[in-house]
Amino acid sequence: MISAMEVYQLLPKTNCKRCGLSTCMAFAVELLRERKAIEDCTPLVEEPKYEEKLEGLRELLAPLLSTETPKTGMVIHEERCFGCGNCVVACPMNVANDPKGTAIGRGPVSDKAILMVEDGVIKCVNVDQCRRFGPEKVVCNACIVTCPARAIEFV
């Protein structure tokens, strides 16, 4: 998972406010939330002395900006998953959206579940319900930390 500090290290750190934010750290956070684009940092893209930082930032954020990466950043490695279901019952949104199934430790019975075990592997359905999706993205890693096979990651 990419941290705001990693992004910040590749910014000019001038706090020039030309991006509309008060600090470069705030800009780093908004980049990760996809509320700002790299091009919004005019010193970074216009001044030759930041060329190396710009290239590094584009490389760092490439997985996040890729059209192949889901908007939540969640990648499921099906070849590693053995269907234990830990992530299903650990997901706070699964619990909130499915009180008669997931909330009591059973498999989801609601059509609003995010994670489900299908054919022995985890599947992400209803991705729009994930806390990492949408305008108020919340950095949640409940599904990752409970996965013994490390089959789920966020990029």
Protein backbone atom coordinates (compact mmCIF):
# COMPACT_ATOMS: atom_id res chain seq x y z
CA MET A 1 0.00 0.00 0.00
CA ILE A 2 1.34 3.44 -0.92
CA SER A 3 1.59 5.87 1.99
CA ALA A 4 1.12 9.63 1.95
CA MET A 5 4.68 9.98 3.25
CA GLU A 6 6.05 8.10 0.22
CA VAL A 7 4.17 10.47 -2.08
CA TYR A 8 5.22 13.52 -0.04
CA GLN A 9 8.90 12.59 -0.37
CA LEU A 10 8.56 12.94 -4.16
CA LEU A 11 6.89 16.36 -4.05
CA PRO A 12 8.74 19.71 -4.13
CA LYS A 13 7.88 20.36 -0.44
CA THR A 14 7.55 24.10 -1.05
CA ASN A 15 4.00 24.49 0.32
CA CYS A 16 3.40 26.98 -2.52
CA LYS A 17 -0.39 26.48 -2.40
CA ARG A 18 -0.68 26.64 -6.23
CA CYS A 19 -2.55 23.31 -6.13
CA GLY A 20 -5.21 24.91 -3.94
CA LEU A 21 -4.11 23.16 -0.74
CA SER A 22 -2.16 24.59 2.18
CA THR A 23 0.67 22.04 2.25
CA CYS A 24 2.43 19.50 0.08
CA MET A 25 1.45 16.81 2.62
CA ALA A 26 -2.22 17.70 2.11
CA PHE A 27 -1.62 17.41 -1.63
CA ALA A 28 -0.03 13.96 -1.15
CA VAL A 29 -3.13 12.78 0.73
CA GLU A 30 -5.45 14.16 -1.95
CA LEU A 31 -3.38 12.46 -4.67
CA LEU A 32 -3.89 9.13 -2.94
CA ARG A 33 -7.60 9.82 -2.57
CA GLU A 34 -7.67 10.65 -6.31
CA ARG A 35 -9.08 14.10 -5.61
CA LYS A 36 -6.01 15.74 -7.13
CA ALA A 37 -3.88 14.83 -10.15
CA ILE A 38 -0.09 14.96 -10.40
CA GLU A 39 -0.47 17.78 -12.91
CA ASP A 40 -2.12 19.95 -10.22
CA CYS A 41 1.33 20.45 -8.70
CA THR A 42 2.61 23.06 -11.14
CA PRO A 43 6.18 23.33 -9.77
CA LEU A 44 6.57 19.57 -10.10
CA VAL A 45 5.51 19.47 -13.75
CA GLU A 46 6.88 22.83 -14.91
CA GLU A 47 10.27 23.15 -13.21
CA PRO A 48 13.10 21.04 -14.67
CA LYS A 49 14.79 20.62 -11.28
CA TYR A 50 11.89 18.37 -10.19
CA GLU A 51 12.01 16.13 -13.27
CA GLU A 52 13.43 13.17 -11.34
CA LYS A 53 10.83 13.52 -8.58
CA LEU A 54 8.04 13.73 -11.17
CA GLU A 55 9.22 10.54 -12.82
CA GLY A 56 9.48 8.80 -9.45
CA LEU A 57 5.99 9.92 -8.47
CA ARG A 58 4.48 8.69 -11.72
CA GLU A 59 6.22 5.36 -11.22
CA LEU A 60 5.05 5.09 -7.60
CA LEU A 61 1.44 5.93 -8.48
CA ALA A 62 1.31 3.85 -11.69
CA PRO A 63 -0.57 0.92 -10.07
CA LEU A 64 -3.09 3.32 -8.54
CA LEU A 65 -3.66 5.14 -11.84
CA SER A 66 -3.76 1.98 -13.96
CA THR A 67 -7.05 1.18 -15.66
CA GLU A 68 -6.43 -2.48 -14.81
CA THR A 69 -6.46 -1.83 -11.06
CA PRO A 70 -9.94 -1.74 -9.52
CA LYS A 71 -10.97 1.66 -8.14
CA THR A 72 -10.71 0.32 -4.60
CA GLY A 73 -7.11 -0.70 -5.28
CA MET A 74 -8.04 -4.22 -4.14
CA VAL A 75 -6.28 -7.04 -5.91
CA ILE A 76 -7.25 -10.63 -5.12
CA HIS A 77 -4.69 -13.30 -5.90
CA GLU A 78 -7.03 -16.23 -6.48
CA GLU A 79 -4.11 -18.65 -6.84
CA ARG A 80 -3.17 -17.99 -3.18
CA CYS A 81 -6.69 -18.05 -1.72
CA PHE A 82 -7.93 -21.26 -0.16
CA GLY A 83 -11.37 -19.96 0.82
CA CYS A 84 -11.05 -19.71 4.61
CA GLY A 85 -13.47 -16.76 4.68
CA ASN A 86 -11.61 -14.79 7.37
CA CYS A 87 -11.81 -11.67 5.22
CA VAL A 88 -15.55 -12.10 4.73
CA VAL A 89 -16.33 -11.96 8.45
CA ALA A 90 -13.64 -9.32 9.18
CA CYS A 91 -14.92 -6.80 6.63
CA PRO A 92 -16.74 -4.03 8.57
CA MET A 93 -19.01 -3.28 5.63
CA ASN A 94 -19.94 -6.94 5.24
CA VAL A 95 -20.89 -6.97 8.92
CA ALA A 96 -22.84 -3.71 8.64
CA ASN A 97 -24.64 -4.69 5.44
CA ASP A 98 -25.34 -8.28 6.42
CA PRO A 99 -26.34 -8.51 10.10
CA LYS A 100 -28.11 -11.87 9.70
CA GLY A 101 -25.15 -13.63 8.10
CA THR A 102 -21.69 -12.15 8.28
CA ALA A 103 -22.27 -10.27 11.53
CA ILE A 104 -22.77 -13.53 13.41
CA GLY A 105 -19.92 -15.37 11.71
CA ARG A 106 -21.80 -17.16 8.95
CA GLY A 107 -21.47 -16.63 5.24
CA PRO A 108 -23.21 -13.63 3.71
CA VAL A 109 -26.94 -13.93 3.16
CA SER A 110 -27.42 -10.37 1.91
CA ASP A 111 -27.00 -9.20 -1.65
CA LYS A 112 -25.06 -6.19 -0.30
CA ALA A 113 -22.01 -8.19 0.82
CA ILE A 114 -18.65 -7.07 -0.55
CA LEU A 115 -16.61 -10.23 -0.10
CA MET A 116 -17.88 -13.78 -0.60
CA VAL A 117 -16.31 -17.19 -1.02
CA GLU A 118 -17.35 -18.66 -4.35
CA ASP A 119 -15.96 -21.90 -5.75
CA GLY A 120 -13.38 -22.05 -2.96
CA VAL A 121 -11.88 -18.57 -3.49
CA ILE A 122 -12.72 -15.07 -2.39
CA LYS A 123 -14.60 -12.81 -4.78
CA CYS A 124 -15.20 -9.10 -4.49
CA VAL A 125 -18.80 -8.29 -5.38
CA ASN A 126 -20.57 -4.97 -4.79
CA VAL A 127 -17.24 -3.14 -4.88
CA ASP A 128 -19.15 0.13 -4.57
CA GLN A 129 -19.95 -0.83 -0.95
CA CYS A 130 -16.24 -1.05 0.00
CA ARG A 131 -15.04 1.71 2.34
CA ARG A 132 -12.11 2.28 -0.02
CA PHE A 133 -14.49 3.19 -2.85
CA GLY A 134 -16.27 6.43 -3.56
CA PRO A 135 -15.71 10.04 -2.58
CA GLU A 136 -15.12 9.40 1.13
CA LYS A 137 -12.44 6.73 0.77
CA VAL A 138 -11.42 5.25 4.12
CA VAL A 139 -8.16 3.35 4.39
CA CYS A 140 -9.34 0.02 5.75
CA ASN A 141 -7.26 -3.16 5.76
CA ALA A 142 -9.42 -5.57 7.76
CA CYS A 143 -9.54 -8.08 4.92
CA ILE A 144 -5.77 -7.98 4.43
CA VAL A 145 -4.67 -8.47 8.02
CA THR A 146 -6.96 -11.46 8.50
CA CYS A 147 -5.85 -13.30 5.34
CA PRO A 148 -3.37 -16.06 6.26
CA ALA A 149 -2.53 -16.65 2.58
CA ARG A 150 -1.88 -12.98 1.79
CA ALA A 151 -4.27 -13.33 -1.12
CA ILE A 152 -5.63 -9.78 -0.83
CA GLU A 153 -3.63 -6.61 -1.27
CA PHE A 154 -4.27 -2.96 -2.01
CA VAL A 155 -2.20 -1.03 -4.52
